[in-house]
Amino acid sequence: MTIEDPDGIPVAHGVTSWPLNGMQPGEPAEVKRITKVTVFDGWKDGTYSVVCTLTRDA
């Protein structure tokens, strides 16, 4: 997953990539993942809670 922080300040911009655990064989067909991600940028750093739902193809 990739997060961008377009904070509106043209001299500061943060981008980060973060690993996200894939689905394991014993998990249900739909699982929710929540993780905290820090985006580093030259002006300020930001921490985000990222929530996503993974679904298994049939």
N, C-alpha and C. Protein backbone atom coordinates (compact mmCIF):
# COMPACT_ATOMS: atom_id res chain seq x y z
N MET A 1 0.84 -1.16 0.00
CA MET A 1 0.00 0.00 0.00
C MET A 1 0.89 1.22 0.00
N THR A 2 0.45 2.29 -0.61
CA THR A 2 1.18 3.55 -0.64
C THR A 2 0.27 4.66 -0.16
N ILE A 3 0.82 5.54 0.69
CA ILE A 3 0.05 6.67 1.21
C ILE A 3 0.77 7.95 0.83
N GLU A 4 0.03 8.91 0.32
CA GLU A 4 0.57 10.24 0.03
C GLU A 4 -0.07 11.23 0.97
N ASP A 5 0.71 12.20 1.42
CA ASP A 5 0.21 13.26 2.29
C ASP A 5 0.29 14.58 1.54
N PRO A 6 -0.72 14.89 0.71
CA PRO A 6 -0.71 16.17 -0.01
C PRO A 6 -1.18 17.27 0.94
N ASP A 7 -0.27 17.80 1.73
CA ASP A 7 -0.64 18.71 2.81
C ASP A 7 -0.83 20.16 2.38
N GLY A 8 -0.75 20.44 1.09
CA GLY A 8 -1.01 21.79 0.61
C GLY A 8 0.18 22.73 0.70
N ILE A 9 1.28 22.27 1.26
CA ILE A 9 2.49 23.09 1.35
C ILE A 9 3.41 22.64 0.22
N PRO A 10 3.68 23.51 -0.75
CA PRO A 10 4.41 23.06 -1.94
C PRO A 10 5.85 22.60 -1.67
N VAL A 11 6.46 23.00 -0.55
CA VAL A 11 7.84 22.61 -0.29
C VAL A 11 7.92 21.34 0.54
N ALA A 12 6.82 20.86 1.07
CA ALA A 12 6.84 19.66 1.89
C ALA A 12 5.86 18.64 1.32
N HIS A 13 6.34 17.44 1.15
CA HIS A 13 5.50 16.40 0.58
C HIS A 13 6.00 15.07 1.12
N GLY A 14 5.11 14.23 1.61
CA GLY A 14 5.53 12.94 2.15
C GLY A 14 4.86 11.79 1.45
N VAL A 15 5.63 10.75 1.22
CA VAL A 15 5.12 9.53 0.60
C VAL A 15 5.79 8.36 1.30
N THR A 16 5.05 7.30 1.55
CA THR A 16 5.65 6.11 2.12
C THR A 16 4.95 4.87 1.58
N SER A 17 5.65 3.78 1.55
CA SER A 17 5.06 2.47 1.24
C SER A 17 5.15 1.63 2.49
N TRP A 18 4.16 0.79 2.71
CA TRP A 18 4.09 0.03 3.94
C TRP A 18 3.62 -1.38 3.61
N PRO A 19 4.26 -2.40 4.18
CA PRO A 19 3.80 -3.77 3.89
C PRO A 19 2.46 -4.04 4.57
N LEU A 20 1.66 -4.81 3.94
CA LEU A 20 0.37 -5.21 4.48
C LEU A 20 0.29 -6.72 4.38
N ASN A 21 0.00 -7.38 5.49
CA ASN A 21 -0.07 -8.85 5.48
C ASN A 21 -1.18 -9.32 4.58
N GLY A 22 -0.84 -10.27 3.72
CA GLY A 22 -1.85 -10.87 2.84
C GLY A 22 -2.74 -11.83 3.61
N MET A 23 -3.70 -12.37 2.95
CA MET A 23 -4.63 -13.30 3.59
C MET A 23 -3.97 -14.67 3.75
N GLN A 24 -4.23 -15.29 4.89
CA GLN A 24 -3.70 -16.61 5.17
C GLN A 24 -4.76 -17.66 4.81
N PRO A 25 -4.34 -18.89 4.53
CA PRO A 25 -5.31 -19.91 4.08
C PRO A 25 -6.47 -20.15 5.05
N GLY A 26 -6.27 -20.05 6.35
CA GLY A 26 -7.33 -20.35 7.31
C GLY A 26 -8.26 -19.18 7.61
N GLU A 27 -8.01 -18.02 7.02
CA GLU A 27 -8.84 -16.85 7.30
C GLU A 27 -10.14 -16.90 6.50
N PRO A 28 -11.18 -16.19 7.00
CA PRO A 28 -12.43 -16.11 6.24
C PRO A 28 -12.22 -15.44 4.88
N ALA A 29 -13.25 -15.45 4.05
CA ALA A 29 -13.17 -14.89 2.70
C ALA A 29 -13.03 -13.37 2.71
N GLU A 30 -13.33 -12.72 3.85
CA GLU A 30 -13.19 -11.27 3.96
C GLU A 30 -12.60 -10.96 5.34
N VAL A 31 -11.50 -10.20 5.35
CA VAL A 31 -10.85 -9.82 6.62
C VAL A 31 -10.54 -8.34 6.61
N LYS A 32 -10.59 -7.75 7.78
CA LYS A 32 -10.28 -6.33 7.95
C LYS A 32 -8.88 -6.20 8.53
N ARG A 33 -8.07 -5.32 7.96
CA ARG A 33 -6.72 -5.05 8.46
C ARG A 33 -6.67 -3.59 8.91
N ILE A 34 -6.04 -3.36 10.05
CA ILE A 34 -5.84 -2.01 10.58
C ILE A 34 -4.37 -1.89 10.93
N THR A 35 -3.72 -0.83 10.48
CA THR A 35 -2.32 -0.61 10.80
C THR A 35 -2.05 0.88 10.93
N LYS A 36 -1.03 1.24 11.68
CA LYS A 36 -0.61 2.63 11.80
C LYS A 36 0.59 2.83 10.89
N VAL A 37 0.57 3.91 10.11
CA VAL A 37 1.62 4.21 9.15
C VAL A 37 2.11 5.63 9.39
N THR A 38 3.42 5.81 9.43
CA THR A 38 3.99 7.14 9.56
C THR A 38 4.47 7.62 8.21
N VAL A 39 4.02 8.80 7.81
CA VAL A 39 4.48 9.44 6.57
C VAL A 39 5.46 10.52 6.97
N PHE A 40 6.70 10.38 6.53
CA PHE A 40 7.75 11.35 6.85
C PHE A 40 7.77 12.43 5.78
N ASP A 41 7.87 13.65 6.20
CA ASP A 41 7.96 14.73 5.23
C ASP A 41 8.79 15.86 5.81
N GLY A 42 9.35 16.68 4.97
CA GLY A 42 10.30 17.71 5.40
C GLY A 42 9.71 18.79 6.28
N TRP A 43 8.40 18.92 6.30
CA TRP A 43 7.75 19.96 7.09
C TRP A 43 7.22 19.41 8.40
N LYS A 44 6.52 18.30 8.32
CA LYS A 44 5.97 17.63 9.50
C LYS A 44 5.79 16.16 9.16
N ASP A 45 5.78 15.32 10.18
CA ASP A 45 5.48 13.91 9.98
C ASP A 45 4.04 13.67 10.39
N GLY A 46 3.42 12.70 9.79
CA GLY A 46 2.05 12.38 10.14
C GLY A 46 1.88 10.89 10.37
N THR A 47 1.08 10.52 11.34
CA THR A 47 0.75 9.13 11.59
C THR A 47 -0.71 8.91 11.23
N TYR A 48 -0.96 7.89 10.45
CA TYR A 48 -2.30 7.61 9.96
C TYR A 48 -2.71 6.21 10.38
N SER A 49 -3.96 6.04 10.72
CA SER A 49 -4.52 4.71 10.91
C SER A 49 -5.14 4.31 9.58
N VAL A 50 -4.68 3.22 9.04
CA VAL A 50 -5.16 2.75 7.74
C VAL A 50 -6.03 1.52 7.98
N VAL A 51 -7.23 1.56 7.44
CA VAL A 51 -8.17 0.45 7.56
C VAL A 51 -8.52 -0.02 6.16
N CYS A 52 -8.42 -1.31 5.93
CA CYS A 52 -8.81 -1.84 4.63
C CYS A 52 -9.44 -3.21 4.81
N THR A 53 -10.17 -3.63 3.83
CA THR A 53 -10.80 -4.95 3.82
C THR A 53 -10.24 -5.73 2.66
N LEU A 54 -9.77 -6.94 2.96
CA LEU A 54 -9.26 -7.84 1.92
C LEU A 54 -10.32 -8.90 1.67
N THR A 55 -10.55 -9.21 0.41
CA THR A 55 -11.50 -10.28 0.07
C THR A 55 -10.82 -11.29 -0.85
N ARG A 56 -11.20 -12.51 -0.68
CA ARG A 56 -10.63 -13.60 -1.48
C ARG A 56 -11.50 -13.81 -2.71
N ASP A 57 -10.84 -13.94 -3.88
CA ASP A 57 -11.58 -14.26 -5.11
C ASP A 57 -12.12 -15.68 -5.01
N ALA A 58 -13.25 -15.87 -5.62
CA ALA A 58 -13.88 -17.21 -5.59
C ALA A 58 -13.14 -18.17 -6.46
